[in-house]
PDB file of N, CA and C in Angstrom:
ATOM      1  N   MET A   1      -0.085   9.389  -2.096  1.00  0.00           N
ATOM      2  CA  MET A   1       0.767   8.258  -1.834  1.00  0.00           C
ATOM      3  C   MET A   1       0.515   7.207  -2.915  1.00  0.00           C
ATOM      4  N   ILE A   2       1.573   6.665  -3.432  1.00  0.00           N
ATOM      5  CA  ILE A   2       1.503   5.621  -4.451  1.00  0.00           C
ATOM      6  C   ILE A   2       1.851   4.303  -3.776  1.00  0.00           C
ATOM      7  N   ASN A   3       1.162   3.225  -4.160  1.00  0.00           N
ATOM      8  CA  ASN A   3       1.505   1.939  -3.556  1.00  0.00           C
ATOM      9  C   ASN A   3       1.638   0.842  -4.606  1.00  0.00           C
ATOM     10  N   ASN A   4       2.359  -0.196  -4.225  1.00  0.00           N
ATOM     11  CA  ASN A   4       2.604  -1.348  -5.092  1.00  0.00           C
ATOM     12  C   ASN A   4       1.884  -2.592  -4.587  1.00  0.00           C
ATOM     13  N   ILE A   5       0.857  -2.410  -3.804  1.00  0.00           N
ATOM     14  CA  ILE A   5       0.204  -3.551  -3.173  1.00  0.00           C
ATOM     15  C   ILE A   5      -0.409  -4.488  -4.206  1.00  0.00           C
ATOM     16  N   ARG A   6      -1.105  -3.954  -5.188  1.00  0.00           N
ATOM     17  CA  ARG A   6      -1.751  -4.809  -6.195  1.00  0.00           C
ATOM     18  C   ARG A   6      -0.709  -5.686  -6.901  1.00  0.00           C
ATOM     19  N   ASP A   7       0.391  -5.089  -7.327  1.00  0.00           N
ATOM     20  CA  ASP A   7       1.426  -5.850  -8.032  1.00  0.00           C
ATOM     21  C   ASP A   7       2.040  -6.916  -7.124  1.00  0.00           C
ATOM     22  N   MET A   8       2.347  -6.541  -5.891  1.00  0.00           N
ATOM     23  CA  MET A   8       2.935  -7.500  -4.947  1.00  0.00           C
ATOM     24  C   MET A   8       1.944  -8.625  -4.631  1.00  0.00           C
ATOM     25  N   ARG A   9       0.686  -8.253  -4.440  1.00  0.00           N
ATOM     26  CA  ARG A   9      -0.345  -9.248  -4.131  1.00  0.00           C
ATOM     27  C   ARG A   9      -0.498 -10.235  -5.276  1.00  0.00           C
ATOM     28  N   LYS A  10      -0.565  -9.718  -6.502  1.00  0.00           N
ATOM     29  CA  LYS A  10      -0.734 -10.592  -7.662  1.00  0.00           C
ATOM     30  C   LYS A  10       0.493 -11.462  -7.903  1.00  0.00           C
ATOM     31  N   SER A  11       1.677 -10.929  -7.659  1.00  0.00           N
ATOM     32  CA  SER A  11       2.896 -11.726  -7.873  1.00  0.00           C
ATOM     33  C   SER A  11       2.958 -12.913  -6.912  1.00  0.00           C
ATOM     34  N   GLN A  12       2.292 -12.779  -5.771  1.00  0.00           N
ATOM     35  CA  GLN A  12       2.248 -13.880  -4.805  1.00  0.00           C
ATOM     36  C   GLN A  12       0.944 -14.670  -4.898  1.00  0.00           C
ATOM     37  N   ARG A  13       0.152 -14.340  -5.899  1.00  0.00           N
ATOM     38  CA  ARG A  13      -1.104 -15.042  -6.207  1.00  0.00           C
ATOM     39  C   ARG A  13      -2.107 -15.019  -5.054  1.00  0.00           C
ATOM     40  N   PHE A  14      -2.163 -13.848  -4.377  1.00  0.00           N
ATOM     41  CA  PHE A  14      -3.186 -13.637  -3.352  1.00  0.00           C
ATOM     42  C   PHE A  14      -4.354 -12.900  -3.983  1.00  0.00           C
ATOM     43  N   SER A  15      -5.559 -13.303  -3.634  1.00  0.00           N
ATOM     44  CA  SER A  15      -6.722 -12.506  -3.997  1.00  0.00           C
ATOM     45  C   SER A  15      -6.818 -11.365  -2.986  1.00  0.00           C
ATOM     46  N   GLN A  16      -7.647 -10.389  -3.301  1.00  0.00           N
ATOM     47  CA  GLN A  16      -7.866  -9.324  -2.326  1.00  0.00           C
ATOM     48  C   GLN A  16      -8.441  -9.899  -1.041  1.00  0.00           C
ATOM     49  N   ASP A  17      -9.337 -10.853  -1.186  1.00  0.00           N
ATOM     50  CA  ASP A  17      -9.970 -11.453  -0.010  1.00  0.00           C
ATOM     51  C   ASP A  17      -8.949 -12.192   0.848  1.00  0.00           C
ATOM     52  N   GLU A  18      -8.037 -12.930   0.224  1.00  0.00           N
ATOM     53  CA  GLU A  18      -7.032 -13.664   0.993  1.00  0.00           C
ATOM     54  C   GLU A  18      -6.093 -12.706   1.726  1.00  0.00           C
ATOM     55  N   LEU A  19      -5.661 -11.640   1.041  1.00  0.00           N
ATOM     56  CA  LEU A  19      -4.794 -10.662   1.690  1.00  0.00           C
ATOM     57  C   LEU A  19      -5.533  -9.989   2.848  1.00  0.00           C
ATOM     58  N   ALA A  20      -6.808  -9.704   2.638  1.00  0.00           N
ATOM     59  CA  ALA A  20      -7.614  -9.098   3.698  1.00  0.00           C
ATOM     60  C   ALA A  20      -7.689 -10.012   4.916  1.00  0.00           C
ATOM     61  N   GLN A  21      -7.959 -11.278   4.692  1.00  0.00           N
ATOM     62  CA  GLN A  21      -8.047 -12.231   5.801  1.00  0.00           C
ATOM     63  C   GLN A  21      -6.724 -12.342   6.548  1.00  0.00           C
ATOM     64  N   ARG A  22      -5.619 -12.355   5.818  1.00  0.00           N
ATOM     65  CA  ARG A  22      -4.301 -12.498   6.453  1.00  0.00           C
ATOM     66  C   ARG A  22      -3.887 -11.254   7.241  1.00  0.00           C
ATOM     67  N   THR A  23      -4.465 -10.108   6.879  1.00  0.00           N
ATOM     68  CA  THR A  23      -4.093  -8.867   7.567  1.00  0.00           C
ATOM     69  C   THR A  23      -5.178  -8.376   8.529  1.00  0.00           C
ATOM     70  N   GLY A  24      -6.305  -9.064   8.577  1.00  0.00           N
ATOM     71  CA  GLY A  24      -7.346  -8.724   9.541  1.00  0.00           C
ATOM     72  C   GLY A  24      -8.203  -7.529   9.159  1.00  0.00           C
ATOM     73  N   VAL A  25      -8.341  -7.287   7.846  1.00  0.00           N
ATOM     74  CA  VAL A  25      -9.207  -6.201   7.372  1.00  0.00           C
ATOM     75  C   VAL A  25     -10.192  -6.772   6.354  1.00  0.00           C
ATOM     76  N   THR A  26     -11.045  -5.937   5.829  1.00  0.00           N
ATOM     77  CA  THR A  26     -12.004  -6.396   4.827  1.00  0.00           C
ATOM     78  C   THR A  26     -11.412  -6.301   3.420  1.00  0.00           C
ATOM     79  N   ARG A  27     -12.022  -7.047   2.502  1.00  0.00           N
ATOM     80  CA  ARG A  27     -11.609  -6.972   1.100  1.00  0.00           C
ATOM     81  C   ARG A  27     -11.790  -5.560   0.574  1.00  0.00           C
ATOM     82  N   GLN A  28     -12.836  -4.874   1.035  1.00  0.00           N
ATOM     83  CA  GLN A  28     -13.096  -3.508   0.608  1.00  0.00           C
ATOM     84  C   GLN A  28     -11.962  -2.572   1.024  1.00  0.00           C
ATOM     85  N   THR A  29     -11.378  -2.830   2.185  1.00  0.00           N
ATOM     86  CA  THR A  29     -10.245  -2.017   2.638  1.00  0.00           C
ATOM     87  C   THR A  29      -9.050  -2.218   1.718  1.00  0.00           C
ATOM     88  N   ILE A  30      -8.758  -3.462   1.377  1.00  0.00           N
ATOM     89  CA  ILE A  30      -7.643  -3.746   0.460  1.00  0.00           C
ATOM     90  C   ILE A  30      -7.900  -3.077  -0.884  1.00  0.00           C
ATOM     91  N   ASN A  31      -9.124  -3.174  -1.367  1.00  0.00           N
ATOM     92  CA  ASN A  31      -9.478  -2.540  -2.638  1.00  0.00           C
ATOM     93  C   ASN A  31      -9.287  -1.029  -2.579  1.00  0.00           C
ATOM     94  N   ALA A  32      -9.731  -0.418  -1.497  1.00  0.00           N
ATOM     95  CA  ALA A  32      -9.603   1.039  -1.349  1.00  0.00           C
ATOM     96  C   ALA A  32      -8.133   1.458  -1.285  1.00  0.00           C
ATOM     97  N   ILE A  33      -7.298   0.688  -0.602  1.00  0.00           N
ATOM     98  CA  ILE A  33      -5.870   1.009  -0.528  1.00  0.00           C
ATOM     99  C   ILE A  33      -5.241   0.883  -1.913  1.00  0.00           C
ATOM    100  N   GLU A  34      -5.534  -0.209  -2.610  1.00  0.00           N
ATOM    101  CA  GLU A  34      -4.963  -0.421  -3.940  1.00  0.00           C
ATOM    102  C   GLU A  34      -5.356   0.683  -4.916  1.00  0.00           C
ATOM    103  N   ASN A  35      -6.543   1.239  -4.739  1.00  0.00           N
ATOM    104  CA  ASN A  35      -7.040   2.285  -5.642  1.00  0.00           C
ATOM    105  C   ASN A  35      -6.780   3.696  -5.112  1.00  0.00           C
ATOM    106  N   ASN A  36      -5.893   3.792  -4.122  1.00  0.00           N
ATOM    107  CA  ASN A  36      -5.495   5.078  -3.540  1.00  0.00           C
ATOM    108  C   ASN A  36      -6.673   5.905  -3.027  1.00  0.00           C
ATOM    109  N   LYS A  37      -7.684   5.211  -2.508  1.00  0.00           N
ATOM    110  CA  LYS A  37      -8.826   5.900  -1.910  1.00  0.00           C
ATOM    111  C   LYS A  37      -8.747   5.902  -0.390  1.00  0.00           C
ATOM    112  N   TYR A  38      -7.759   5.175   0.138  1.00  0.00           N
ATOM    113  CA  TYR A  38      -7.604   5.064   1.590  1.00  0.00           C
ATOM    114  C   TYR A  38      -6.133   4.818   1.893  1.00  0.00           C
ATOM    115  N   ASP A  39      -5.584   5.575   2.833  1.00  0.00           N
ATOM    116  CA  ASP A  39      -4.217   5.354   3.290  1.00  0.00           C
ATOM    117  C   ASP A  39      -4.280   4.521   4.565  1.00  0.00           C
ATOM    118  N   PRO A  40      -3.584   3.392   4.592  1.00  0.00           N
ATOM    119  CA  PRO A  40      -3.660   2.522   5.769  1.00  0.00           C
ATOM    120  C   PRO A  40      -2.947   3.132   6.967  1.00  0.00           C
ATOM    121  N   SER A  41      -3.316   2.663   8.127  1.00  0.00           N
ATOM    122  CA  SER A  41      -2.596   3.056   9.344  1.00  0.00           C
ATOM    123  C   SER A  41      -1.172   2.517   9.242  1.00  0.00           C
ATOM    124  N   LEU A  42      -0.296   3.036  10.054  1.00  0.00           N
ATOM    125  CA  LEU A  42       1.082   2.558  10.067  1.00  0.00           C
ATOM    126  C   LEU A  42       1.128   1.073  10.431  1.00  0.00           C
ATOM    127  N   ALA A  43       0.310   0.677  11.398  1.00  0.00           N
ATOM    128  CA  ALA A  43       0.270  -0.730  11.807  1.00  0.00           C
ATOM    129  C   ALA A  43      -0.163  -1.627  10.646  1.00  0.00           C
ATOM    130  N   LEU A  44      -1.177  -1.214   9.893  1.00  0.00           N
ATOM    131  CA  LEU A  44      -1.633  -2.004   8.753  1.00  0.00           C
ATOM    132  C   LEU A  44      -0.582  -2.018   7.649  1.00  0.00           C
ATOM    133  N   ALA A  45       0.094  -0.913   7.434  1.00  0.00           N
ATOM    134  CA  ALA A  45       1.162  -0.876   6.424  1.00  0.00           C
ATOM    135  C   ALA A  45       2.245  -1.901   6.754  1.00  0.00           C
ATOM    136  N   PHE A  46       2.634  -1.985   8.031  1.00  0.00           N
ATOM    137  CA  PHE A  46       3.636  -2.975   8.440  1.00  0.00           C
ATOM    138  C   PHE A  46       3.105  -4.395   8.298  1.00  0.00           C
ATOM    139  N   GLU A  47       1.839  -4.596   8.616  1.00  0.00           N
ATOM    140  CA  GLU A  47       1.232  -5.914   8.485  1.00  0.00           C
ATOM    141  C   GLU A  47       1.183  -6.349   7.016  1.00  0.00           C
ATOM    142  N   LEU A  48       0.806  -5.424   6.137  1.00  0.00           N
ATOM    143  CA  LEU A  48       0.795  -5.720   4.701  1.00  0.00           C
ATOM    144  C   LEU A  48       2.194  -6.095   4.221  1.00  0.00           C
ATOM    145  N   ALA A  49       3.183  -5.346   4.644  1.00  0.00           N
ATOM    146  CA  ALA A  49       4.562  -5.636   4.254  1.00  0.00           C
ATOM    147  C   ALA A  49       4.991  -7.013   4.761  1.00  0.00           C
ATOM    148  N   TYR A  50       4.641  -7.328   5.995  1.00  0.00           N
ATOM    149  CA  TYR A  50       4.996  -8.628   6.573  1.00  0.00           C
ATOM    150  C   TYR A  50       4.362  -9.773   5.777  1.00  0.00           C
ATOM    151  N   VAL A  51       3.064  -9.665   5.525  1.00  0.00           N
ATOM    152  CA  VAL A  51       2.342 -10.729   4.819  1.00  0.00           C
ATOM    153  C   VAL A  51       2.850 -10.873   3.381  1.00  0.00           C
ATOM    154  N   LEU A  52       3.222  -9.761   2.759  1.00  0.00           N
ATOM    155  CA  LEU A  52       3.702  -9.794   1.369  1.00  0.00           C
ATOM    156  C   LEU A  52       5.220  -9.993   1.276  1.00  0.00           C
ATOM    157  N   HIS A  53       5.862 -10.246   2.412  1.00  0.00           N
ATOM    158  CA  HIS A  53       7.306 -10.528   2.460  1.00  0.00           C
ATOM    159  C   HIS A  53       8.138  -9.424   1.812  1.00  0.00           C
ATOM    160  N   THR A  54       7.862  -8.205   2.219  1.00  0.00           N
ATOM    161  CA  THR A  54       8.586  -7.063   1.680  1.00  0.00           C
ATOM    162  C   THR A  54       8.700  -5.997   2.764  1.00  0.00           C
ATOM    163  N   THR A  55       9.102  -4.810   2.386  1.00  0.00           N
ATOM    164  CA  THR A  55       9.224  -3.709   3.346  1.00  0.00           C
ATOM    165  C   THR A  55       8.153  -2.657   3.063  1.00  0.00           C
ATOM    166  N   VAL A  56       7.886  -1.846   4.051  1.00  0.00           N
ATOM    167  CA  VAL A  56       6.942  -0.741   3.872  1.00  0.00           C
ATOM    168  C   VAL A  56       7.442   0.183   2.767  1.00  0.00           C
ATOM    169  N   GLN A  57       8.755   0.402   2.727  1.00  0.00           N
ATOM    170  CA  GLN A  57       9.338   1.277   1.702  1.00  0.00           C
ATOM    171  C   GLN A  57       9.106   0.744   0.296  1.00  0.00           C
ATOM    172  N   ASP A  58       9.086  -0.586   0.146  1.00  0.00           N
ATOM    173  CA  ASP A  58       8.826  -1.163  -1.173  1.00  0.00           C
ATOM    174  C   ASP A  58       7.344  -1.140  -1.538  1.00  0.00           C
ATOM    175  N   LEU A  59       6.474  -1.068  -0.542  1.00  0.00           N
ATOM    176  CA  LEU A  59       5.033  -1.038  -0.802  1.00  0.00           C
ATOM    177  C   LEU A  59       4.494   0.355  -1.082  1.00  0.00           C
ATOM    178  N   PHE A  60       5.068   1.357  -0.401  1.00  0.00           N
ATOM    179  CA  PHE A  60       4.505   2.703  -0.477  1.00  0.00           C
ATOM    180  C   PHE A  60       5.554   3.725  -0.886  1.00  0.00           C
ATOM    181  N   HIS A  61       5.114   4.688  -1.665  1.00  0.00           N
ATOM    182  CA  HIS A  61       5.977   5.798  -2.082  1.00  0.00           C
ATOM    183  C   HIS A  61       5.166   7.079  -1.972  1.00  0.00           C
ATOM    184  N   TYR A  62       5.704   8.027  -1.229  1.00  0.00           N
ATOM    185  CA  TYR A  62       5.029   9.310  -1.081  1.00  0.00           C
ATOM    186  C   TYR A  62       5.443  10.212  -2.224  1.00  0.00           C
ATOM    187  N   ASP A  63       4.508  10.589  -3.042  1.00  0.00           N
ATOM    188  CA  ASP A  63       4.760  11.453  -4.192  1.00  0.00           C
ATOM    189  C   ASP A  63       4.545  12.894  -3.764  1.00  0.00           C
ATOM    190  N   LYS A  64       5.590  13.473  -3.171  1.00  0.00           N
ATOM    191  CA  LYS A  64       5.500  14.822  -2.622  1.00  0.00           C
ATOM    192  C   LYS A  64       5.440  15.855  -3.741  1.00  0.00           C
ATOM    193  N   PRO A  65       4.436  16.723  -3.727  1.00  0.00           N
ATOM    194  CA  PRO A  65       4.369  17.774  -4.736  1.00  0.00           C
ATOM    195  C   PRO A  65       5.518  18.773  -4.559  1.00  0.00           C
ATOM    196  N   ILE A  66       6.055  19.236  -5.652  1.00  0.00           N
ATOM    197  CA  ILE A  66       7.136  20.223  -5.598  1.00  0.00           C
ATOM    198  C   ILE A  66       6.529  21.606  -5.474  1.00  0.00           C
ATOM    199  N   ARG A  67       7.001  22.344  -4.483  1.00  0.00           N
ATOM    200  CA  ARG A  67       6.518  23.708  -4.285  1.00  0.00           C
ATOM    201  C   ARG A  67       7.256  24.645  -5.222  1.00  0.00           C
ATOM    202  N   LEU A  68       6.614  25.737  -5.571  1.00  0.00           N
ATOM    203  CA  LEU A  68       7.208  26.706  -6.475  1.00  0.00           C
ATOM    204  C   LEU A  68       8.554  27.187  -5.943  1.00  0.00           C
ATOM    205  N   SER A  69       8.662  27.427  -4.646  1.00  0.00           N
ATOM    206  CA  SER A  69       9.915  27.916  -4.064  1.00  0.00           C
ATOM    207  C   SER A  69      11.034  26.874  -4.187  1.00  0.00           C
ATOM    208  N   GLU A  70      10.696  25.575  -4.210  1.00  0.00           N
ATOM    209  CA  GLU A  70      11.691  24.526  -4.356  1.00  0.00           C
ATOM    210  C   GLU A  70      12.195  24.439  -5.789  1.00  0.00           C
ATOM    211  N   LYS A  71      11.362  24.788  -6.771  1.00  0.00           N
ATOM    212  CA  LYS A  71      11.759  24.750  -8.179  1.00  0.00           C
ATOM    213  C   LYS A  71      12.798  25.826  -8.483  1.00  0.00           C
ATOM    214  N   GLU A  72      12.722  26.913  -7.769  1.00  0.00           N
ATOM    215  CA  GLU A  72      13.603  28.037  -8.051  1.00  0.00           C
ATOM    216  C   GLU A  72      15.032  27.795  -7.591  1.00  0.00           C
ATOM    217  N   ASN A  73      15.243  26.843  -6.676  1.00  0.00           N
ATOM    218  CA  ASN A  73      16.600  26.573  -6.132  1.00  0.00           C
ATOM    219  C   ASN A  73      17.397  25.701  -7.010  1.00  0.00           C
TER     220      ASN A  73
END
């Protein structure tokens, strides 16, 4: 999963700590999400979108791998 949280956070001039406080998680959690080491729960994804004034779809993109059988079609 690819996310735009770092870019959105910086464009609104939030530190990781401030975003963490506003969403009720730790700064380490925000860091892990931004570095694609942790996928947030659906509830946290919606909370992040709310705090960053955007949509979940704008924050996250699922980069689905293409299967060999799909390439052949």
